[in-house]
C-alpha atoms as a PDB file:
ATOM      1  CA  MET A   1      21.293  82.318 -30.897  1.00  0.00           C
ATOM      2  CA  GLY A   2      24.840  81.547 -32.097  1.00  0.00           C
ATOM      3  CA  LYS A   3      25.721  78.590 -34.205  1.00  0.00           C
ATOM      4  CA  SER A   4      27.373  75.734 -32.305  1.00  0.00           C
ATOM      5  CA  PRO A   5      30.904  74.886 -33.420  1.00  0.00           C
ATOM      6  CA  HIS A   6      31.516  72.070 -35.864  1.00  0.00           C
ATOM      7  CA  PHE A   7      34.084  69.610 -34.529  1.00  0.00           C
ATOM      8  CA  GLN A   8      36.131  67.484 -36.900  1.00  0.00           C
ATOM      9  CA  ILE A   9      35.965  63.698 -36.476  1.00  0.00           C
ATOM     10  CA  PRO A  10      39.580  63.387 -35.183  1.00  0.00           C
ATOM     11  CA  ILE A  11      38.744  65.918 -32.447  1.00  0.00           C
ATOM     12  CA  LEU A  12      35.643  64.005 -31.416  1.00  0.00           C
ATOM     13  CA  ARG A  13      37.582  60.723 -31.426  1.00  0.00           C
ATOM     14  CA  ALA A  14      40.340  62.195 -29.259  1.00  0.00           C
ATOM     15  CA  LEU A  15      37.830  63.626 -26.772  1.00  0.00           C
ATOM     16  CA  ARG A  16      35.949  60.320 -26.579  1.00  0.00           C
ATOM     17  CA  LYS A  17      39.219  58.519 -25.870  1.00  0.00           C
ATOM     18  CA  ILE A  18      40.235  61.025 -23.190  1.00  0.00           C
ATOM     19  CA  GLY A  19      36.785  60.813 -21.622  1.00  0.00           C
ATOM     20  CA  GLY A  20      36.817  57.022 -21.649  1.00  0.00           C
ATOM     21  CA  ASP A  21      40.318  56.951 -20.182  1.00  0.00           C
ATOM     22  CA  ILE A  22      39.210  59.334 -17.421  1.00  0.00           C
ATOM     23  CA  LYS A  23      36.201  57.135 -16.673  1.00  0.00           C
ATOM     24  CA  ASP A  24      38.392  54.015 -16.559  1.00  0.00           C
ATOM     25  CA  ALA A  25      40.881  55.761 -14.240  1.00  0.00           C
ATOM     26  CA  ARG A  26      38.056  56.758 -11.894  1.00  0.00           C
ATOM     27  CA  LYS A  27      36.717  53.214 -11.855  1.00  0.00           C
ATOM     28  CA  ARG A  28      40.183  51.702 -11.268  1.00  0.00           C
ATOM     29  CA  ARG A  29      40.437  53.978  -8.218  1.00  0.00           C
ATOM     30  CA  ARG A  30      36.920  52.900  -7.180  1.00  0.00           C
ATOM     31  CA  ILE A  31      35.810  56.519  -6.834  1.00  0.00           C
ATOM     32  CA  PRO A  32      32.097  57.177  -7.337  1.00  0.00           C
ATOM     33  CA  VAL A  33      30.953  60.046  -9.575  1.00  0.00           C
ATOM     34  CA  ASN A  34      29.443  61.749  -6.512  1.00  0.00           C
ATOM     35  CA  LEU A  35      32.862  61.994  -4.859  1.00  0.00           C
ATOM     36  CA  ILE A  36      34.529  63.397  -7.992  1.00  0.00           C
ATOM     37  CA  ALA A  37      31.707  65.943  -8.239  1.00  0.00           C
ATOM     38  CA  GLU A  38      32.243  66.908  -4.602  1.00  0.00           C
ATOM     39  CA  ARG A  39      36.041  67.183  -5.012  1.00  0.00           C
ATOM     40  CA  THR A  40      35.815  69.292  -8.149  1.00  0.00           C
ATOM     41  CA  GLY A  41      32.738  71.373  -7.406  1.00  0.00           C
ATOM     42  CA  LEU A  42      31.258  70.190 -10.710  1.00  0.00           C
ATOM     43  CA  SER A  43      27.833  68.633 -11.153  1.00  0.00           C
ATOM     44  CA  ARG A  44      27.412  64.910 -11.706  1.00  0.00           C
ATOM     45  CA  THR A  45      26.057  65.775 -15.157  1.00  0.00           C
ATOM     46  CA  THR A  46      29.291  67.593 -16.028  1.00  0.00           C
ATOM     47  CA  ILE A  47      31.378  64.655 -14.772  1.00  0.00           C
ATOM     48  CA  HIS A  48      29.357  62.352 -17.038  1.00  0.00           C
ATOM     49  CA  LYS A  49      29.927  64.737 -19.968  1.00  0.00           C
ATOM     50  CA  VAL A  50      33.683  64.710 -19.310  1.00  0.00           C
ATOM     51  CA  GLU A  51      33.657  60.910 -19.220  1.00  0.00           C
ATOM     52  CA  LYS A  52      31.790  60.803 -22.543  1.00  0.00           C
ATOM     53  CA  GLY A  53      34.224  63.260 -24.119  1.00  0.00           C
ATOM     54  CA  ASP A  54      31.583  65.909 -24.752  1.00  0.00           C
ATOM     55  CA  PRO A  55      33.236  68.643 -26.874  1.00  0.00           C
ATOM     56  CA  GLY A  56      31.011  71.319 -25.345  1.00  0.00           C
ATOM     57  CA  THR A  57      32.377  70.680 -21.863  1.00  0.00           C
ATOM     58  CA  SER A  58      34.973  73.186 -20.705  1.00  0.00           C
ATOM     59  CA  PHE A  59      38.662  72.393 -20.665  1.00  0.00           C
ATOM     60  CA  GLY A  60      38.596  73.479 -17.036  1.00  0.00           C
ATOM     61  CA  ALA A  61      36.160  70.670 -16.226  1.00  0.00           C
ATOM     62  CA  TYR A  62      38.464  68.098 -17.831  1.00  0.00           C
ATOM     63  CA  THR A  63      41.465  69.455 -15.912  1.00  0.00           C
ATOM     64  CA  ALA A  64      39.563  69.545 -12.609  1.00  0.00           C
ATOM     65  CA  VAL A  65      38.608  65.882 -12.995  1.00  0.00           C
ATOM     66  CA  LEU A  66      42.157  64.918 -13.966  1.00  0.00           C
ATOM     67  CA  PHE A  67      43.483  66.788 -10.929  1.00  0.00           C
ATOM     68  CA  SER A  68      41.018  65.062  -8.621  1.00  0.00           C
ATOM     69  CA  LEU A  69      42.274  61.716  -9.961  1.00  0.00           C
ATOM     70  CA  GLY A  70      45.921  62.713  -9.411  1.00  0.00           C
ATOM     71  CA  MET A  71      46.577  62.750 -13.163  1.00  0.00           C
ATOM     72  CA  ILE A  72      47.299  66.429 -13.890  1.00  0.00           C
ATOM     73  CA  ASP A  73      51.103  66.160 -14.310  1.00  0.00           C
ATOM     74  CA  ARG A  74      51.237  65.051 -17.942  1.00  0.00           C
ATOM     75  CA  LEU A  75      48.635  67.595 -18.983  1.00  0.00           C
ATOM     76  CA  GLN A  76      51.139  70.389 -18.385  1.00  0.00           C
ATOM     77  CA  ASP A  77      53.318  68.999 -21.191  1.00  0.00           C
ATOM     78  CA  ILE A  78      50.536  68.601 -23.747  1.00  0.00           C
ATOM     79  CA  ALA A  79      51.689  71.532 -25.921  1.00  0.00           C
ATOM     80  CA  ASP A  80      55.268  71.785 -24.636  1.00  0.00           C
ATOM     81  CA  ALA A  81      57.698  72.946 -27.326  1.00  0.00           C
ATOM     82  CA  ARG A  82      59.825  69.821 -26.808  1.00  0.00           C
ATOM     83  CA  HIS A  83      56.962  67.729 -28.189  1.00  0.00           C
ATOM     84  CA  ASP A  84      56.153  70.075 -31.097  1.00  0.00           C
ATOM     85  CA  LEU A  85      57.905  68.123 -33.841  1.00  0.00           C
ATOM     86  CA  THR A  86      56.253  70.088 -36.652  1.00  0.00           C
ATOM     87  CA  GLY A  87      57.245  73.412 -35.094  1.00  0.00           C
ATOM     88  CA  ILE A  88      60.817  72.213 -34.554  1.00  0.00           C
ATOM     89  CA  GLN A  89      61.073  71.037 -38.174  1.00  0.00           C
ATOM     90  CA  LEU A  90      59.777  74.389 -39.421  1.00  0.00           C
ATOM     91  CA  LEU A  91      62.309  76.246 -37.292  1.00  0.00           C
ATOM     92  CA  ASP A  92      65.119  74.005 -38.530  1.00  0.00           C
ATOM     93  CA  GLU A  93      64.181  74.789 -42.145  1.00  0.00           C
ATOM     94  CA  LYS A  94      64.685  78.494 -41.431  1.00  0.00           C
ATOM     95  CA  LEU A  95      68.163  78.120 -39.940  1.00  0.00           C
ATOM     96  CA  PRO A  96      70.679  80.392 -41.677  1.00  0.00           C
ATOM     97  CA  GLU A  97      73.335  78.888 -43.946  1.00  0.00           C
ATOM     98  CA  ARG A  98      76.067  80.989 -42.331  1.00  0.00           C
ATOM     99  CA  ILE A  99      76.426  82.820 -39.095  1.00  0.00           C
ATOM    100  CA  HIS A 100      78.381  86.074 -39.093  1.00  0.00           C
ATOM    101  CA  LEU A 101      79.810  87.443 -35.899  1.00  0.00           C
ATOM    102  CA  PRO A 102      79.018  91.117 -35.324  1.00  0.00           C
ATOM    103  CA  LYS A 103      81.909  93.473 -36.024  1.00  0.00           C
ATOM    104  CA  ARG A 104      83.704  94.675 -32.947  1.00  0.00           C
ATOM    105  CA  LYS A 105      83.755  98.402 -32.294  1.00  0.00           C
ATOM    106  CA  ASP A 106      87.547  98.519 -32.104  1.00  0.00           C
ATOM    107  CA  ASP A 107      87.870  96.818 -35.503  1.00  0.00           C
ATOM    108  CA  LYS A 108      89.800  99.272 -37.728  1.00  0.00           C
ATOM    109  CA  HIS A 109      89.155  97.414 -40.978  1.00  0.00           C
ATOM    110  CA  GLY A 110      85.666  98.418 -41.631  1.00  0.00           C
END
């Protein structure tokens, strides 16, 4: 039997928040768990795990529930390069000091 993964506290906190937000969104829409389960093809148990932010629940389950609630749009931007401030800063640090144009083939001076 394999060892279960160890999740850091910030990961668990983020999943609990996402799960709670999903649960609140479902309740605001007055949609029972049974209907979400039917729409997604997931079990009621899995829906409850998503709403608790269970880290062992598949990402696909989270996305299916979000889709069934009409909330999938923002998920597509979650790792979009435009929002990757650390990555952008690292790229900016590697920018060259000077840019040299390539020599033209008909240039007779070189």
